[in-house]
């Protein structure tokens, strides 16, 4: 039963994306403030898809250096609100 639900959900999601219809709003959280605002969000999404998608963008602090050193603590309070 769980597998059927997963396959059904995958089908509806894929179909909505392909047909550009019945798209639900999306929350997009970008970690890495203060660095990430320098890179534009959702730049690789086709224009005809992006125009029909309600996207709520949130930039949240939280950043690690490539060597796993903590640079900025995750802004959990921003995510919760």
N, C-alpha and C. Protein backbone atom coordinates (compact mmCIF):
# COMPACT_ATOMS: atom_id res chain seq x y z
N UNK A 1 0.82 -1.19 0.00
CA UNK A 1 0.00 0.00 0.00
C UNK A 1 0.87 1.26 0.00
N UNK A 2 1.90 1.29 0.84
CA UNK A 2 2.77 2.47 0.89
C UNK A 2 3.46 2.69 -0.45
N UNK A 3 3.86 1.62 -1.09
CA UNK A 3 4.52 1.74 -2.39
C UNK A 3 3.56 2.33 -3.42
N UNK A 4 2.31 1.91 -3.40
CA UNK A 4 1.33 2.45 -4.35
C UNK A 4 1.12 3.94 -4.12
N UNK A 5 1.09 4.36 -2.85
CA UNK A 5 0.93 5.79 -2.55
C UNK A 5 2.14 6.56 -3.05
N UNK A 6 3.33 6.01 -2.86
CA UNK A 6 4.53 6.69 -3.30
C UNK A 6 4.54 6.81 -4.82
N UNK A 7 4.21 5.73 -5.50
CA UNK A 7 4.18 5.78 -6.96
C UNK A 7 3.11 6.75 -7.45
N UNK A 8 1.96 6.76 -6.79
CA UNK A 8 0.90 7.69 -7.16
C UNK A 8 1.34 9.13 -6.96
N UNK A 9 1.97 9.41 -5.82
CA UNK A 9 2.44 10.76 -5.54
C UNK A 9 3.50 11.18 -6.54
N UNK A 10 4.40 10.26 -6.87
CA UNK A 10 5.45 10.55 -7.86
C UNK A 10 4.83 10.85 -9.21
N UNK A 11 3.84 10.07 -9.60
CA UNK A 11 3.17 10.28 -10.88
C UNK A 11 2.51 11.66 -10.93
N UNK A 12 1.76 12.02 -9.88
CA UNK A 12 1.07 13.31 -9.88
C UNK A 12 2.05 14.46 -9.87
N UNK A 13 3.12 14.32 -9.12
CA UNK A 13 4.14 15.37 -9.07
C UNK A 13 4.79 15.54 -10.44
N UNK A 14 5.23 14.44 -11.03
CA UNK A 14 5.87 14.48 -12.34
C UNK A 14 4.92 15.03 -13.40
N UNK A 15 3.68 14.58 -13.36
CA UNK A 15 2.69 15.04 -14.32
C UNK A 15 2.45 16.55 -14.18
N UNK A 16 2.36 17.03 -12.96
CA UNK A 16 2.15 18.47 -12.73
C UNK A 16 3.31 19.28 -13.29
N UNK A 17 4.52 18.79 -13.10
CA UNK A 17 5.70 19.50 -13.61
C UNK A 17 5.71 19.49 -15.14
N UNK A 18 5.48 18.34 -15.73
CA UNK A 18 5.50 18.22 -17.20
C UNK A 18 4.42 19.08 -17.84
N UNK A 19 3.20 19.02 -17.29
CA UNK A 19 2.08 19.76 -17.87
C UNK A 19 2.01 21.21 -17.42
N UNK A 20 2.78 21.56 -16.38
CA UNK A 20 2.77 22.92 -15.82
C UNK A 20 1.38 23.29 -15.29
N UNK A 21 0.67 22.30 -14.71
CA UNK A 21 -0.66 22.52 -14.16
C UNK A 21 -0.73 21.93 -12.75
N UNK A 22 -1.64 22.45 -11.94
CA UNK A 22 -1.89 21.95 -10.59
C UNK A 22 -0.63 21.96 -9.73
N UNK A 23 0.19 22.97 -9.89
CA UNK A 23 1.42 23.07 -9.11
C UNK A 23 1.14 23.70 -7.76
N UNK A 24 1.63 23.08 -6.72
CA UNK A 24 1.48 23.59 -5.36
C UNK A 24 2.59 24.61 -5.07
N UNK A 25 2.33 25.55 -4.16
CA UNK A 25 3.38 26.50 -3.77
C UNK A 25 4.59 25.77 -3.17
N UNK A 26 5.75 26.36 -3.34
CA UNK A 26 7.00 25.76 -2.87
C UNK A 26 7.72 26.74 -1.97
N UNK A 27 8.25 26.25 -0.86
CA UNK A 27 9.12 27.06 0.00
C UNK A 27 10.55 26.63 -0.29
N UNK A 28 11.38 27.60 -0.59
CA UNK A 28 12.78 27.34 -0.97
C UNK A 28 13.66 27.99 0.09
N UNK A 29 14.33 27.16 0.89
CA UNK A 29 15.23 27.67 1.93
C UNK A 29 16.66 27.55 1.45
N UNK A 30 17.34 28.67 1.45
CA UNK A 30 18.76 28.67 1.07
C UNK A 30 19.59 28.95 2.29
N UNK A 31 20.44 28.01 2.64
CA UNK A 31 21.35 28.18 3.76
C UNK A 31 22.61 28.86 3.25
N UNK A 32 23.27 29.57 4.14
CA UNK A 32 24.56 30.13 3.78
C UNK A 32 24.65 31.64 3.82
N UNK A 33 23.66 32.30 4.40
CA UNK A 33 23.75 33.75 4.56
C UNK A 33 24.95 34.02 5.47
N UNK A 34 25.83 34.88 5.15
CA UNK A 34 25.71 36.00 4.24
C UNK A 34 26.18 35.74 2.81
N UNK A 35 26.74 34.59 2.50
CA UNK A 35 27.31 34.37 1.16
C UNK A 35 26.27 34.09 0.08
N UNK A 36 25.23 33.33 0.35
CA UNK A 36 24.33 32.86 -0.70
C UNK A 36 23.54 33.92 -1.44
N UNK A 37 23.18 35.06 -0.87
CA UNK A 37 22.42 36.03 -1.68
C UNK A 37 23.18 36.52 -2.91
N UNK A 38 24.48 36.30 -2.96
CA UNK A 38 25.27 36.70 -4.12
C UNK A 38 24.97 35.83 -5.33
N UNK A 39 24.42 34.64 -5.11
CA UNK A 39 24.07 33.72 -6.20
C UNK A 39 22.56 33.72 -6.34
N UNK A 40 22.06 34.00 -7.53
CA UNK A 40 20.62 34.07 -7.76
C UNK A 40 19.95 32.72 -7.53
N UNK A 41 18.73 32.75 -7.01
CA UNK A 41 17.96 31.53 -6.77
C UNK A 41 17.20 31.10 -8.01
N UNK A 42 17.03 29.81 -8.15
CA UNK A 42 16.16 29.22 -9.17
C UNK A 42 16.50 29.67 -10.59
N UNK A 43 17.77 29.85 -10.89
CA UNK A 43 18.16 30.36 -12.21
C UNK A 43 18.05 29.33 -13.32
N UNK A 44 18.07 28.06 -13.00
CA UNK A 44 18.03 27.02 -14.03
C UNK A 44 16.63 26.49 -14.30
N UNK A 45 15.62 27.09 -13.71
CA UNK A 45 14.25 26.64 -13.93
C UNK A 45 13.72 27.32 -15.20
N UNK A 46 13.14 26.53 -16.12
CA UNK A 46 12.60 27.14 -17.34
C UNK A 46 11.58 28.23 -17.04
N UNK A 47 11.59 29.29 -17.81
CA UNK A 47 10.73 30.46 -17.57
C UNK A 47 9.26 30.07 -17.54
N UNK A 48 8.81 29.22 -18.49
CA UNK A 48 7.39 28.87 -18.50
C UNK A 48 6.99 28.04 -17.30
N UNK A 49 7.93 27.39 -16.65
CA UNK A 49 7.66 26.65 -15.43
C UNK A 49 7.66 27.60 -14.23
N UNK A 50 8.65 28.47 -14.17
CA UNK A 50 8.79 29.41 -13.05
C UNK A 50 7.60 30.37 -12.98
N UNK A 51 7.07 30.77 -14.12
CA UNK A 51 5.93 31.70 -14.14
C UNK A 51 4.68 31.10 -13.52
N UNK A 52 4.54 29.78 -13.55
CA UNK A 52 3.35 29.12 -13.02
C UNK A 52 3.55 28.55 -11.62
N UNK A 53 4.70 28.79 -11.04
CA UNK A 53 5.05 28.23 -9.75
C UNK A 53 5.10 29.33 -8.70
N UNK A 54 4.37 29.15 -7.61
CA UNK A 54 4.44 30.10 -6.49
C UNK A 54 5.60 29.67 -5.60
N UNK A 55 6.62 30.49 -5.55
CA UNK A 55 7.82 30.16 -4.78
C UNK A 55 8.02 31.21 -3.69
N UNK A 56 8.25 30.73 -2.49
CA UNK A 56 8.55 31.59 -1.36
C UNK A 56 10.01 31.34 -1.00
N UNK A 57 10.85 32.34 -1.23
CA UNK A 57 12.28 32.19 -1.00
C UNK A 57 12.67 32.70 0.38
N UNK A 58 13.47 31.93 1.07
CA UNK A 58 13.96 32.31 2.39
C UNK A 58 15.47 32.11 2.41
N UNK A 59 16.20 33.13 2.78
CA UNK A 59 17.64 33.01 2.95
C UNK A 59 17.91 32.91 4.44
N UNK A 60 18.59 31.87 4.84
CA UNK A 60 18.79 31.56 6.25
C UNK A 60 20.29 31.46 6.53
N UNK A 61 20.69 31.98 7.68
CA UNK A 61 22.10 31.86 8.06
C UNK A 61 22.43 30.41 8.37
N UNK A 62 23.64 30.05 8.13
CA UNK A 62 24.11 28.70 8.38
C UNK A 62 25.12 28.34 7.31
N UNK A 63 26.36 28.19 7.70
CA UNK A 63 27.37 27.99 6.67
C UNK A 63 28.57 27.23 7.24
N UNK A 64 29.07 26.30 6.44
CA UNK A 64 30.28 25.57 6.77
C UNK A 64 31.32 25.81 5.69
N UNK A 65 32.56 25.81 6.10
CA UNK A 65 33.67 25.89 5.16
C UNK A 65 33.84 24.52 4.51
N UNK A 66 34.49 24.45 3.37
CA UNK A 66 34.66 23.17 2.67
C UNK A 66 35.34 22.11 3.54
N UNK A 67 36.10 22.52 4.55
CA UNK A 67 36.78 21.56 5.43
C UNK A 67 35.95 21.22 6.67
N UNK A 68 34.65 21.54 6.64
CA UNK A 68 33.69 21.25 7.72
C UNK A 68 33.80 22.19 8.92
N UNK A 69 34.56 23.24 8.80
CA UNK A 69 34.66 24.21 9.88
C UNK A 69 33.40 25.08 9.87
N UNK A 70 32.75 25.22 11.02
CA UNK A 70 31.56 26.04 11.13
C UNK A 70 31.91 27.51 10.95
N UNK A 71 31.24 28.17 10.01
CA UNK A 71 31.47 29.59 9.76
C UNK A 71 30.34 30.43 10.37
N UNK A 72 29.09 30.02 10.15
CA UNK A 72 27.93 30.74 10.66
C UNK A 72 26.93 29.71 11.18
N UNK A 73 26.42 29.93 12.38
CA UNK A 73 25.46 29.00 12.99
C UNK A 73 24.14 29.02 12.23
N UNK A 74 23.50 27.86 12.11
CA UNK A 74 22.22 27.74 11.44
C UNK A 74 21.17 28.61 12.14
N UNK A 75 20.44 29.41 11.37
CA UNK A 75 19.40 30.29 11.91
C UNK A 75 18.08 29.54 12.07
N UNK A 76 18.02 28.63 13.02
CA UNK A 76 16.83 27.80 13.21
C UNK A 76 15.57 28.62 13.46
N UNK A 77 15.69 29.73 14.15
CA UNK A 77 14.52 30.56 14.45
C UNK A 77 13.90 31.12 13.16
N UNK A 78 14.71 31.36 12.15
CA UNK A 78 14.19 31.84 10.86
C UNK A 78 13.40 30.74 10.15
N UNK A 79 13.82 29.51 10.29
CA UNK A 79 13.14 28.39 9.65
C UNK A 79 11.81 28.11 10.33
N UNK A 80 11.78 28.21 11.65
CA UNK A 80 10.58 27.89 12.41
C UNK A 80 9.45 28.90 12.19
N UNK A 81 9.77 30.12 11.83
CA UNK A 81 8.74 31.15 11.67
C UNK A 81 8.34 31.18 10.27
